[in-house]
N, C-alpha and C. Protein backbone atom coordinates (compact mmCIF):
# COMPACT_ATOMS: atom_id res chain seq x y z
N MET A 1 0.58 -1.70 -0.21
CA MET A 1 -0.17 0.15 0.06
C MET A 1 0.80 1.28 0.11
N ASN A 2 0.75 2.04 -0.78
CA ASN A 2 1.39 3.03 -1.40
C ASN A 2 0.66 5.02 -0.34
N ILE A 3 1.20 5.08 0.69
CA ILE A 3 0.51 6.03 0.83
C ILE A 3 1.67 7.06 1.17
N ASP A 4 0.66 8.49 1.20
CA ASP A 4 1.82 9.90 0.95
C ASP A 4 1.40 10.16 2.14
N PHE A 5 2.57 10.17 2.95
CA PHE A 5 2.40 10.91 4.66
C PHE A 5 2.77 12.40 4.58
N GLU A 6 3.42 12.83 3.36
CA GLU A 6 3.75 13.75 3.10
C GLU A 6 3.08 14.81 3.21
N LYS A 7 2.12 14.49 2.14
CA LYS A 7 1.04 15.45 1.45
C LYS A 7 0.66 16.26 3.01
N GLY A 8 0.20 15.63 4.31
CA GLY A 8 -0.77 16.10 4.40
C GLY A 8 0.24 16.49 6.00
N ASN A 9 1.90 16.45 5.85
CA ASN A 9 2.28 17.27 7.35
C ASN A 9 2.95 15.55 8.35
N GLY A 10 2.52 14.52 7.39
CA GLY A 10 2.85 13.43 7.72
C GLY A 10 1.75 12.55 8.57
N LEU A 11 0.95 13.12 7.84
CA LEU A 11 -0.96 12.75 8.69
C LEU A 11 -1.21 12.57 7.76
N VAL A 12 -2.10 11.20 6.92
CA VAL A 12 -3.16 11.18 6.72
C VAL A 12 -4.74 10.74 7.53
N PRO A 13 -5.96 11.25 6.50
CA PRO A 13 -7.09 11.30 6.83
C PRO A 13 -7.80 10.01 6.87
N VAL A 14 -8.42 9.60 7.70
CA VAL A 14 -8.73 7.77 7.36
C VAL A 14 -10.21 8.22 8.26
N ILE A 15 -10.93 7.72 7.08
CA ILE A 15 -12.32 7.22 7.19
C ILE A 15 -12.49 5.95 7.62
N ILE A 16 -12.98 5.74 8.81
CA ILE A 16 -13.81 4.39 9.30
C ILE A 16 -14.90 3.57 9.03
N GLN A 17 -15.20 3.06 8.39
CA GLN A 17 -16.58 2.64 7.90
C GLN A 17 -17.20 0.78 8.14
N ASP A 18 -18.28 0.91 8.73
CA ASP A 18 -18.58 -0.71 9.57
C ASP A 18 -18.26 -1.05 8.13
N ASP A 19 -17.77 -2.65 8.21
CA ASP A 19 -18.09 -3.80 7.47
C ASP A 19 -19.15 -4.12 6.93
N ARG A 20 -20.36 -4.29 8.40
CA ARG A 20 -21.10 -4.86 7.84
C ARG A 20 -22.26 -3.87 7.54
N SER A 21 -22.60 -2.56 8.13
CA SER A 21 -23.35 -2.24 7.49
C SER A 21 -23.34 -0.72 6.22
N GLN A 22 -21.70 -0.87 6.25
CA GLN A 22 -21.46 0.12 5.50
C GLN A 22 -21.77 1.70 5.77
N LYS A 23 -22.09 1.83 7.11
CA LYS A 23 -21.94 2.43 7.34
C LYS A 23 -20.12 3.42 8.20
N VAL A 24 -20.57 5.14 7.47
CA VAL A 24 -19.34 6.05 7.95
C VAL A 24 -19.41 6.35 9.62
N LEU A 25 -18.18 5.48 10.01
CA LEU A 25 -18.90 5.69 11.52
C LEU A 25 -17.48 6.95 11.87
N MET A 26 -17.10 7.47 11.24
CA MET A 26 -15.26 8.01 12.00
C MET A 26 -14.54 8.74 11.16
N LEU A 27 -13.86 9.88 11.87
CA LEU A 27 -12.33 10.01 10.87
C LEU A 27 -11.17 10.75 11.83
N GLY A 28 -10.78 9.99 11.17
CA GLY A 28 -9.50 9.87 12.40
C GLY A 28 -8.67 10.38 11.34
N TYR A 29 -6.78 10.44 12.13
CA TYR A 29 -5.74 10.78 11.20
C TYR A 29 -5.21 9.57 11.70
N MET A 30 -3.69 9.26 10.87
CA MET A 30 -2.61 8.53 11.22
C MET A 30 -1.46 8.73 10.25
N ASN A 31 -0.37 8.64 11.50
CA ASN A 31 0.73 8.77 11.34
C ASN A 31 1.13 7.55 10.24
N ARG A 32 2.40 7.57 9.54
CA ARG A 32 2.56 6.31 9.09
C ARG A 32 3.36 5.18 10.64
N GLU A 33 3.55 5.46 12.18
CA GLU A 33 3.89 4.76 12.90
C GLU A 33 2.10 4.20 13.13
N ALA A 34 1.04 4.91 13.05
CA ALA A 34 0.00 4.37 13.87
C ALA A 34 -0.27 3.31 12.83
N PHE A 35 -0.12 4.24 11.14
CA PHE A 35 -0.60 3.17 10.19
C PHE A 35 -0.26 1.13 10.32
N GLU A 36 1.20 1.49 10.71
CA GLU A 36 2.29 0.00 10.64
C GLU A 36 1.27 -0.67 12.12
N LYS A 37 0.95 0.02 13.34
CA LYS A 37 0.62 -0.17 14.32
C LYS A 37 -0.84 -0.90 13.82
N THR A 38 -1.56 0.11 13.64
CA THR A 38 -2.75 -0.87 12.61
C THR A 38 -2.79 -1.96 12.20
N GLN A 39 -1.78 -2.24 10.69
CA GLN A 39 -1.65 -3.24 10.50
C GLN A 39 -1.21 -4.14 10.95
N ARG A 40 -0.38 -4.25 12.00
CA ARG A 40 0.51 -5.40 12.30
C ARG A 40 -0.71 -5.56 13.56
N GLU A 41 -1.43 -5.45 14.68
CA GLU A 41 -2.41 -5.62 15.47
C GLU A 41 -4.06 -6.20 14.73
N LYS A 42 -4.00 -5.15 13.63
CA LYS A 42 -5.40 -5.60 13.62
C LYS A 42 -6.40 -5.02 13.52
N ARG A 43 -6.57 -3.66 14.37
CA ARG A 43 -7.03 -3.27 15.40
C ARG A 43 -6.74 -1.27 15.49
N VAL A 44 -7.78 -0.68 14.86
CA VAL A 44 -7.51 0.71 14.48
C VAL A 44 -6.73 1.57 15.33
N THR A 45 -5.58 2.07 15.42
CA THR A 45 -4.68 3.48 15.71
C THR A 45 -4.20 4.35 15.21
N PHE A 46 -4.87 5.67 16.09
CA PHE A 46 -5.11 6.50 15.08
C PHE A 46 -3.81 7.42 15.87
N PHE A 47 -3.46 8.61 14.83
CA PHE A 47 -2.02 9.81 15.69
C PHE A 47 -2.97 10.66 15.58
N SER A 48 -3.54 10.76 17.53
CA SER A 48 -4.25 12.10 18.35
C SER A 48 -3.94 13.28 18.46
N ARG A 49 -4.58 14.24 17.85
CA ARG A 49 -3.48 15.73 17.61
C ARG A 49 -3.65 16.14 18.80
N SER A 50 -5.04 15.67 19.82
CA SER A 50 -4.98 16.42 21.18
C SER A 50 -4.01 15.53 21.64
N LYS A 51 -3.87 14.98 21.40
CA LYS A 51 -3.26 14.29 23.00
C LYS A 51 -1.92 14.16 22.33
N ASN A 52 -1.26 14.00 20.94
CA ASN A 52 -0.22 13.85 20.71
C ASN A 52 0.88 12.87 20.17
N ARG A 53 -0.06 11.83 20.64
CA ARG A 53 0.66 10.77 20.85
C ARG A 53 -0.20 9.58 19.60
N LEU A 54 -0.05 8.21 19.72
CA LEU A 54 -0.65 7.22 19.68
C LEU A 54 -1.75 7.41 20.09
N TRP A 55 -3.53 6.34 19.99
CA TRP A 55 -4.22 6.20 20.43
C TRP A 55 -5.23 5.47 19.82
N THR A 56 -5.28 4.15 20.60
CA THR A 56 -5.84 3.14 19.73
C THR A 56 -7.70 3.45 20.14
N LYS A 57 -8.54 2.97 19.17
CA LYS A 57 -9.77 3.66 19.68
C LYS A 57 -10.08 2.60 20.15
N GLY A 58 -10.59 2.94 21.80
CA GLY A 58 -11.18 1.35 22.82
C GLY A 58 -10.00 1.55 23.63
N GLU A 59 -9.23 2.18 23.83
CA GLU A 59 -8.07 2.20 24.73
C GLU A 59 -9.02 2.13 26.09
N THR A 60 -9.67 3.29 25.73
CA THR A 60 -10.25 3.60 27.53
C THR A 60 -11.26 2.53 27.71
N SER A 61 -12.35 2.39 26.62
CA SER A 61 -14.20 2.81 26.80
C SER A 61 -13.99 0.74 26.56
N GLY A 62 -12.83 -0.40 25.39
CA GLY A 62 -12.94 -1.46 25.66
C GLY A 62 -13.60 -1.04 24.35
N ASN A 63 -14.10 -0.39 24.11
CA ASN A 63 -14.81 -0.89 21.85
C ASN A 63 -13.50 -0.29 21.15
N PHE A 64 -12.80 -1.03 20.85
CA PHE A 64 -11.91 -1.69 19.94
C PHE A 64 -12.68 -1.58 18.51
N MET A 65 -11.57 -1.16 17.07
CA MET A 65 -11.86 -1.64 16.09
C MET A 65 -11.33 -1.92 15.69
N ASP A 66 -11.69 -3.60 14.89
CA ASP A 66 -11.24 -4.68 14.87
C ASP A 66 -11.42 -4.68 12.90
N VAL A 67 -10.16 -4.32 12.74
CA VAL A 67 -9.61 -4.15 10.99
C VAL A 67 -10.16 -4.94 9.92
N ARG A 68 -11.12 -4.75 9.42
CA ARG A 68 -11.68 -6.50 7.89
C ARG A 68 -10.44 -6.02 6.74
N SER A 69 -10.58 -4.27 5.99
CA SER A 69 -9.95 -4.07 5.08
C SER A 69 -9.03 -2.90 5.27
N MET A 70 -8.29 -2.78 4.19
CA MET A 70 -7.61 -1.38 4.36
C MET A 70 -7.46 -0.97 2.71
N GLU A 71 -8.13 0.38 2.57
CA GLU A 71 -7.88 0.70 0.89
C GLU A 71 -7.33 2.33 0.94
N VAL A 72 -6.51 2.22 0.20
CA VAL A 72 -5.69 3.90 0.19
C VAL A 72 -6.75 4.31 -1.68
N ASP A 73 -6.78 5.58 -1.46
CA ASP A 73 -7.72 6.38 -2.41
C ASP A 73 -6.54 6.59 -3.83
N CYS A 74 -7.02 7.06 -4.83
CA CYS A 74 -6.00 6.88 -5.76
C CYS A 74 -5.08 7.88 -5.72
N ASP A 75 -5.43 8.48 -4.60
CA ASP A 75 -3.97 10.08 -4.41
C ASP A 75 -3.02 10.09 -3.66
N GLY A 76 -3.64 8.09 -2.87
CA GLY A 76 -2.24 7.95 -1.81
C GLY A 76 -2.95 8.53 -0.11
N ASP A 77 -3.67 9.51 -0.70
CA ASP A 77 -3.19 10.54 0.32
C ASP A 77 -5.23 10.47 1.54
N THR A 78 -5.68 9.43 1.78
CA THR A 78 -6.46 9.07 2.51
C THR A 78 -6.84 7.24 2.15
N LEU A 79 -7.05 6.43 4.06
CA LEU A 79 -7.25 6.00 3.94
C LEU A 79 -8.11 5.17 4.46
N LEU A 80 -9.34 4.87 4.28
CA LEU A 80 -10.77 3.49 4.07
C LEU A 80 -10.43 2.55 5.32
N ILE A 81 -10.53 2.67 5.86
CA ILE A 81 -10.74 1.31 7.16
C ILE A 81 -12.19 1.13 7.25
N ARG A 82 -12.80 -0.66 7.15
CA ARG A 82 -13.77 -1.03 7.25
C ARG A 82 -13.40 -1.94 8.34
N VAL A 83 -14.70 -1.69 9.35
CA VAL A 83 -14.33 -2.34 10.75
C VAL A 83 -15.41 -2.99 11.64
N LYS A 84 -14.16 -3.93 12.35
CA LYS A 84 -16.33 -4.44 12.64
C LYS A 84 -15.76 -3.97 14.28
N PRO A 85 -16.68 -2.99 14.07
CA PRO A 85 -16.47 -2.16 15.53
C PRO A 85 -17.12 -2.78 17.07
N GLY A 86 -15.99 -3.04 18.13
CA GLY A 86 -17.15 -3.86 19.34
C GLY A 86 -18.02 -2.99 19.98
N GLY A 87 -18.61 -2.02 19.65
CA GLY A 87 -19.44 -1.31 20.55
C GLY A 87 -19.74 0.39 19.70
N PRO A 88 -20.51 1.52 20.49
CA PRO A 88 -20.07 2.82 20.34
C PRO A 88 -18.93 3.02 19.90
N VAL A 89 -19.35 3.72 18.69
CA VAL A 89 -17.59 4.38 18.06
C VAL A 89 -17.74 5.68 19.01
N CYS A 90 -18.88 6.76 18.66
CA CYS A 90 -19.26 8.28 19.33
C CYS A 90 -18.59 8.51 20.90
N HIS A 91 -17.62 9.35 21.01
CA HIS A 91 -17.73 9.77 22.45
C HIS A 91 -18.74 10.00 23.28
N ASN A 92 -20.15 10.28 22.16
CA ASN A 92 -21.63 10.99 22.51
C ASN A 92 -22.17 9.42 23.37
N GLY A 93 -21.52 7.77 23.08
CA GLY A 93 -22.19 6.66 23.02
C GLY A 93 -23.47 6.11 21.96
N THR A 94 -23.27 7.10 20.81
CA THR A 94 -23.85 6.49 19.58
C THR A 94 -22.80 5.83 19.10
N ASP A 95 -23.62 4.76 18.31
CA ASP A 95 -22.74 4.17 16.91
C ASP A 95 -22.12 4.76 15.72
N THR A 96 -21.89 6.00 15.42
CA THR A 96 -21.71 6.50 14.97
C THR A 96 -21.28 8.25 15.06
N CYS A 97 -20.12 8.42 14.50
CA CYS A 97 -20.13 10.31 15.02
C CYS A 97 -20.71 11.20 14.32
N PHE A 98 -21.99 10.54 13.34
CA PHE A 98 -22.33 11.33 11.65
C PHE A 98 -23.70 10.66 12.18
N GLY A 99 -24.37 10.87 13.37
CA GLY A 99 -25.53 10.74 13.91
C GLY A 99 -25.62 9.80 14.30
N ASN A 100 -27.02 9.27 14.40
CA ASN A 100 -27.52 7.72 14.80
C ASN A 100 -27.75 6.64 14.50
N THR A 101 -28.21 5.69 14.44
CA THR A 101 -27.48 4.50 13.16
C THR A 101 -28.99 4.57 12.93
N ASP A 102 -28.97 4.23 11.38
CA ASP A 102 -29.97 4.25 10.46
C ASP A 102 -31.05 2.79 10.13
N ALA A 103 -31.96 2.25 10.26
CA ALA A 103 -32.55 1.54 9.64
C ALA A 103 -31.64 0.61 8.93
N VAL A 104 -31.09 0.85 7.82
CA VAL A 104 -29.95 -0.27 7.44
C VAL A 104 -29.21 -0.87 7.67
N GLY A 105 -28.25 0.14 8.17
CA GLY A 105 -26.79 -0.12 9.67
C GLY A 105 -27.96 -0.51 10.63
N PHE A 106 -29.37 -0.75 11.26
CA PHE A 106 -29.29 -1.12 12.37
C PHE A 106 -29.98 -3.02 11.68
N THR A 107 -29.97 -3.07 10.81
CA THR A 107 -30.85 -4.64 10.05
C THR A 107 -29.66 -5.15 10.18
N GLY A 108 -28.34 -4.11 9.98
CA GLY A 108 -26.81 -5.07 9.89
C GLY A 108 -26.64 -5.23 11.44
N VAL A 109 -26.82 -4.99 12.18
CA VAL A 109 -26.52 -5.37 13.87
C VAL A 109 -27.51 -5.92 13.72
N LEU A 110 -28.91 -5.40 13.50
CA LEU A 110 -29.07 -7.10 14.63
C LEU A 110 -29.37 -8.57 13.82
N GLU A 111 -29.28 -8.11 12.43
CA GLU A 111 -28.48 -9.90 12.05
C GLU A 111 -27.40 -10.52 12.01
N GLU A 112 -26.49 -9.29 12.70
CA GLU A 112 -24.78 -9.56 13.63
C GLU A 112 -25.39 -10.29 15.25
N LYS A 113 -26.60 -9.81 16.37
CA LYS A 113 -27.21 -10.08 16.81
C LYS A 113 -27.83 -11.42 16.73
N ILE A 114 -28.23 -11.71 15.55
CA ILE A 114 -29.29 -12.84 15.77
C ILE A 114 -28.44 -13.84 15.29
N SER A 115 -27.35 -13.62 14.89
CA SER A 115 -26.12 -14.94 14.37
C SER A 115 -25.29 -15.13 15.78
N GLU A 116 -25.27 -13.71 16.58
CA GLU A 116 -24.42 -14.10 17.47
C GLU A 116 -25.35 -15.29 19.32
N ARG A 117 -26.63 -15.20 17.98
CA ARG A 117 -28.08 -15.87 19.50
C ARG A 117 -27.65 -16.55 18.39
N LYS A 118 -27.67 -17.06 17.55
CA LYS A 118 -27.51 -18.79 16.77
C LYS A 118 -26.43 -19.37 17.07
N GLN A 119 -25.13 -18.86 17.24
CA GLN A 119 -23.92 -19.14 17.96
C GLN A 119 -23.95 -19.50 19.51
N SER A 120 -24.55 -18.66 20.29
CA SER A 120 -24.36 -18.67 21.78
C SER A 120 -25.72 -18.64 22.07
N PRO A 121 -26.90 -19.31 22.24
CA PRO A 121 -28.13 -19.61 22.39
C PRO A 121 -28.15 -19.12 23.89
N VAL A 122 -29.62 -18.42 23.92
CA VAL A 122 -29.49 -17.97 25.90
C VAL A 122 -30.95 -19.09 26.31
N LYS A 123 -30.80 -19.07 27.65
CA LYS A 123 -32.02 -19.78 27.15
C LYS A 123 -33.43 -18.36 28.01
N GLY A 124 -34.54 -18.73 27.06
CA GLY A 124 -35.65 -17.93 27.34
C GLY A 124 -35.68 -16.88 26.62
N SER A 125 -34.52 -17.10 25.01
CA SER A 125 -34.64 -16.06 23.88
C SER A 125 -35.91 -16.80 23.11
N TYR A 126 -36.66 -15.47 22.55
CA TYR A 126 -37.54 -15.76 21.12
C TYR A 126 -36.63 -16.00 20.29
N THR A 127 -35.68 -15.58 20.34
CA THR A 127 -34.82 -15.95 18.60
C THR A 127 -34.59 -16.88 19.14
N ASN A 128 -34.11 -18.12 20.26
CA ASN A 128 -33.65 -18.78 20.51
C ASN A 128 -34.74 -20.08 19.95
N SER A 129 -35.66 -20.04 20.56
CA SER A 129 -36.44 -21.00 20.64
C SER A 129 -37.50 -20.72 19.20
N LEU A 130 -37.92 -20.04 18.31
CA LEU A 130 -37.46 -20.17 16.78
C LEU A 130 -36.08 -21.17 15.59
N PHE A 131 -35.17 -20.57 16.78
CA PHE A 131 -34.28 -21.61 15.59
C PHE A 131 -34.94 -23.29 16.49
N ASP A 132 -34.99 -23.22 17.12
CA ASP A 132 -34.74 -24.42 17.57
C ASP A 132 -36.11 -25.71 17.35
N SER A 133 -37.37 -24.52 16.80
CA SER A 133 -38.25 -24.95 16.26
C SER A 133 -37.95 -25.48 14.56
N GLY A 134 -37.32 -25.55 14.67
CA GLY A 134 -36.83 -25.46 13.42
C GLY A 134 -36.94 -24.70 12.07
N ILE A 135 -36.51 -25.39 10.63
CA ILE A 135 -36.73 -24.92 9.34
C ILE A 135 -38.25 -24.76 8.86
N ASN A 136 -38.87 -25.38 9.05
CA ASN A 136 -40.33 -25.29 8.15
C ASN A 136 -40.75 -24.65 9.83
N LYS A 137 -40.65 -24.52 10.28
CA LYS A 137 -41.97 -23.53 11.66
C LYS A 137 -41.72 -21.95 11.81
N ILE A 138 -39.92 -21.97 11.37
CA ILE A 138 -39.58 -20.50 10.88
C ILE A 138 -39.44 -19.80 9.69
N ALA A 139 -40.77 -20.60 8.83
CA ALA A 139 -40.63 -20.74 7.34
C ALA A 139 -42.10 -20.06 7.12
N GLN A 140 -43.23 -20.57 8.45
CA GLN A 140 -44.20 -20.74 8.50
C GLN A 140 -44.57 -19.29 8.39
N LYS A 141 -43.51 -18.75 9.99
CA LYS A 141 -43.72 -18.17 10.62
C LYS A 141 -43.84 -16.56 10.04
N VAL A 142 -42.00 -16.58 8.83
CA VAL A 142 -42.30 -15.62 7.62
C VAL A 142 -44.07 -15.30 7.12
N GLY A 143 -44.32 -16.71 6.46
CA GLY A 143 -45.50 -16.76 5.84
C GLY A 143 -46.70 -15.51 7.08
N GLU A 144 -47.15 -16.10 8.14
CA GLU A 144 -47.55 -15.69 8.50
C GLU A 144 -47.18 -14.01 8.81
N GLU A 145 -46.47 -13.54 8.87
CA GLU A 145 -45.85 -12.20 9.19
C GLU A 145 -46.09 -11.64 7.91
N ALA A 146 -45.94 -11.88 6.24
CA ALA A 146 -46.63 -11.43 5.46
C ALA A 146 -47.44 -10.78 5.39
N VAL A 147 -48.17 -12.16 5.68
CA VAL A 147 -50.26 -12.32 5.69
C VAL A 147 -50.33 -11.33 7.02
N GLU A 148 -49.71 -11.01 7.23
CA GLU A 148 -50.35 -9.79 9.09
C GLU A 148 -49.56 -8.54 8.11
N LEU A 149 -49.16 -8.16 7.78
CA LEU A 149 -48.35 -7.13 6.99
C LEU A 149 -49.40 -6.67 6.11
N ILE A 150 -50.15 -7.77 5.10
CA ILE A 150 -50.89 -7.08 3.87
C ILE A 150 -52.06 -7.35 4.89
N ILE A 151 -52.42 -7.48 5.56
CA ILE A 151 -53.92 -7.26 5.96
C ILE A 151 -53.54 -5.51 6.46
N GLU A 152 -52.64 -5.11 7.21
CA GLU A 152 -52.54 -4.03 8.23
C GLU A 152 -52.09 -3.22 6.31
N ALA A 153 -51.71 -3.40 5.40
CA ALA A 153 -51.50 -2.73 4.46
C ALA A 153 -52.76 -1.89 3.69
N LYS A 154 -53.82 -2.58 4.07
CA LYS A 154 -55.46 -2.03 3.46
C LYS A 154 -56.02 -1.23 4.17
N ASP A 155 -55.14 -1.05 5.55
CA ASP A 155 -55.84 -0.15 6.36
C ASP A 155 -54.95 0.83 6.64
N GLU A 156 -55.84 2.36 7.62
CA GLU A 156 -54.65 3.40 7.18
C GLU A 156 -54.14 3.84 9.20
N ASN A 157 -53.76 2.68 9.37
CA ASN A 157 -53.19 2.73 11.14
C ASN A 157 -52.21 2.94 10.72
N ARG A 158 -50.97 3.61 10.61
CA ARG A 158 -49.63 3.28 10.16
C ARG A 158 -48.70 2.82 11.19
N GLU A 159 -49.06 3.51 12.40
CA GLU A 159 -48.09 2.02 13.45
C GLU A 159 -47.96 0.59 13.16
N LEU A 160 -49.44 0.31 13.28
CA LEU A 160 -49.26 -1.11 12.88
C LEU A 160 -49.12 -1.54 11.76
N PHE A 161 -48.89 -0.59 10.83
CA PHE A 161 -48.39 -1.29 9.48
C PHE A 161 -46.26 -1.47 9.41
N LEU A 162 -46.11 -0.59 10.48
CA LEU A 162 -45.19 -0.66 10.95
C LEU A 162 -44.32 -1.87 11.49
N ASN A 163 -44.92 -1.28 12.97
CA ASN A 163 -45.32 -2.71 13.69
C ASN A 163 -44.54 -4.21 13.21
N GLU A 164 -46.14 -4.67 11.79
CA GLU A 164 -45.32 -5.69 11.18
C GLU A 164 -44.86 -6.39 10.32
N ALA A 165 -44.32 -4.53 9.42
CA ALA A 165 -43.16 -4.41 8.64
C ALA A 165 -41.92 -5.21 9.30
N ALA A 166 -41.72 -4.38 10.63
CA ALA A 166 -40.36 -4.98 11.00
C ALA A 166 -40.48 -6.61 12.18
N ASP A 167 -41.91 -6.98 12.15
CA ASP A 167 -41.75 -8.51 12.47
C ASP A 167 -41.64 -9.09 11.43
N LEU A 168 -42.52 -8.87 10.47
CA LEU A 168 -41.23 -9.48 8.68
C LEU A 168 -39.83 -9.52 9.19
N ILE A 169 -39.33 -8.40 9.00
CA ILE A 169 -38.10 -8.15 8.34
C ILE A 169 -37.46 -8.92 9.50
N TYR A 170 -37.92 -8.66 10.54
CA TYR A 170 -37.20 -9.84 12.29
C TYR A 170 -37.12 -11.26 11.39
N HIS A 171 -38.76 -11.34 11.66
CA HIS A 171 -38.29 -13.80 11.23
C HIS A 171 -38.11 -13.38 10.12
N PHE A 172 -37.28 -12.40 9.08
CA PHE A 172 -36.96 -12.70 7.65
C PHE A 172 -35.56 -13.15 7.74
N LEU A 173 -34.75 -12.47 8.46
CA LEU A 173 -33.58 -12.22 9.29
C LEU A 173 -33.51 -13.71 10.09
N ILE A 174 -34.55 -13.92 10.24
CA ILE A 174 -34.19 -15.72 11.40
C ILE A 174 -34.18 -16.22 10.35
N LEU A 175 -34.49 -16.15 9.13
CA LEU A 175 -34.96 -17.30 8.06
C LEU A 175 -33.71 -17.37 7.23
N LEU A 176 -32.96 -16.38 6.54
CA LEU A 176 -32.16 -15.90 6.37
C LEU A 176 -30.96 -17.04 7.33
N ARG A 177 -30.97 -16.48 8.56
CA ARG A 177 -29.60 -17.07 9.71
C ARG A 177 -30.12 -18.23 9.31
N ALA A 178 -30.87 -19.21 9.30
CA ALA A 178 -31.49 -20.63 9.54
C ALA A 178 -30.83 -21.32 8.06
N LYS A 179 -30.85 -20.42 7.16
CA LYS A 179 -30.00 -21.01 6.40
C LYS A 179 -29.14 -20.96 5.66
N ARG A 180 -28.28 -20.27 6.54
CA ARG A 180 -27.12 -20.28 6.19
C ARG A 180 -26.24 -19.05 5.34
N VAL A 181 -27.19 -18.63 5.33
CA VAL A 181 -27.48 -17.14 4.50
C VAL A 181 -27.17 -16.21 4.70
N SER A 182 -27.14 -15.08 4.14
CA SER A 182 -26.79 -12.83 4.91
C SER A 182 -27.60 -12.23 4.23
N LEU A 183 -27.89 -11.12 4.79
CA LEU A 183 -28.56 -10.15 3.97
C LEU A 183 -27.91 -9.44 3.32
N GLN A 184 -26.96 -9.28 2.89
CA GLN A 184 -25.72 -9.57 2.07
C GLN A 184 -25.31 -10.42 0.78
N ASP A 185 -25.57 -11.37 1.24
CA ASP A 185 -25.85 -12.72 -0.02
C ASP A 185 -27.18 -12.04 -1.15
N VAL A 186 -28.75 -11.85 -0.36
CA VAL A 186 -29.55 -11.04 -1.01
C VAL A 186 -29.11 -9.57 -1.79
N GLU A 187 -28.87 -9.18 -0.98
CA GLU A 187 -28.51 -8.14 -1.79
C GLU A 187 -27.38 -8.35 -2.98
N GLU A 188 -26.52 -8.92 -3.06
CA GLU A 188 -25.78 -9.26 -4.39
C GLU A 188 -26.79 -9.47 -4.99
N VAL A 189 -27.43 -10.77 -4.99
CA VAL A 189 -28.20 -11.11 -6.01
C VAL A 189 -29.20 -9.35 -6.32
N LEU A 190 -29.77 -9.16 -5.90
CA LEU A 190 -30.43 -7.41 -6.41
C LEU A 190 -30.02 -6.64 -7.24
N ARG A 191 -28.21 -6.54 -6.93
CA ARG A 191 -27.43 -5.88 -7.78
C ARG A 191 -27.14 -6.96 -8.81
N GLN A 192 -27.20 -7.83 -8.61
CA GLN A 192 -26.41 -8.93 -10.33
C GLN A 192 -27.98 -7.88 -11.25
N ARG A 193 -28.60 -9.03 -10.40
CA ARG A 193 -30.10 -8.27 -11.58
C ARG A 193 -30.39 -6.83 -12.53
N ASN A 194 -29.82 -5.54 -10.69
CA ASN A 194 -29.59 -4.54 -11.77
C ASN A 194 -28.65 -3.90 -13.12
N GLU A 195 -27.83 -5.16 -12.88
CA GLU A 195 -27.10 -4.91 -14.53
C GLU A 195 -27.54 -5.50 -15.21
N LYS A 196 -28.80 -6.70 -15.24
CA LYS A 196 -29.04 -6.40 -16.29
C LYS A 196 -29.52 -6.12 -16.76
């Protein structure tokens, strides 16, 4: 990776993006030492201009950012790092420094929580009871939720419609996980169709 640290007087801006939701989380700066440490440890380390030292994101909060990929822009003077965040990124307690998590971003978060629940079951969890019931019951539940959404679509109660839409999406994500596919896999099919 050829990075031009000299262009910015030894620093390059670094855009941090959630690898799952694709949401931009924050902007920081790296010098060569911070970049090399990030590459070596696979955990984001910045050069803090206010502290005038290396600063590993999460060193105080525990909300580390694990590196999934790193890219340099066409001019070699900006980095894009896709991460798996270990918790809220912003010092204000939000997922991003650019506002609250939007619906698309939260769907990715929810999908990840569902996967975690599948990997590490919790007694009494509704999600785990669905997985335990088997694929036929999960598929039936998706069908029931779709019918309930259709019924609410015919009425004018926005709140009930939104609740049924949320139920359908949640159960659809359960079905995807039970079939060992992700929402990203579905998005890829849509992308391919769009190219035709």
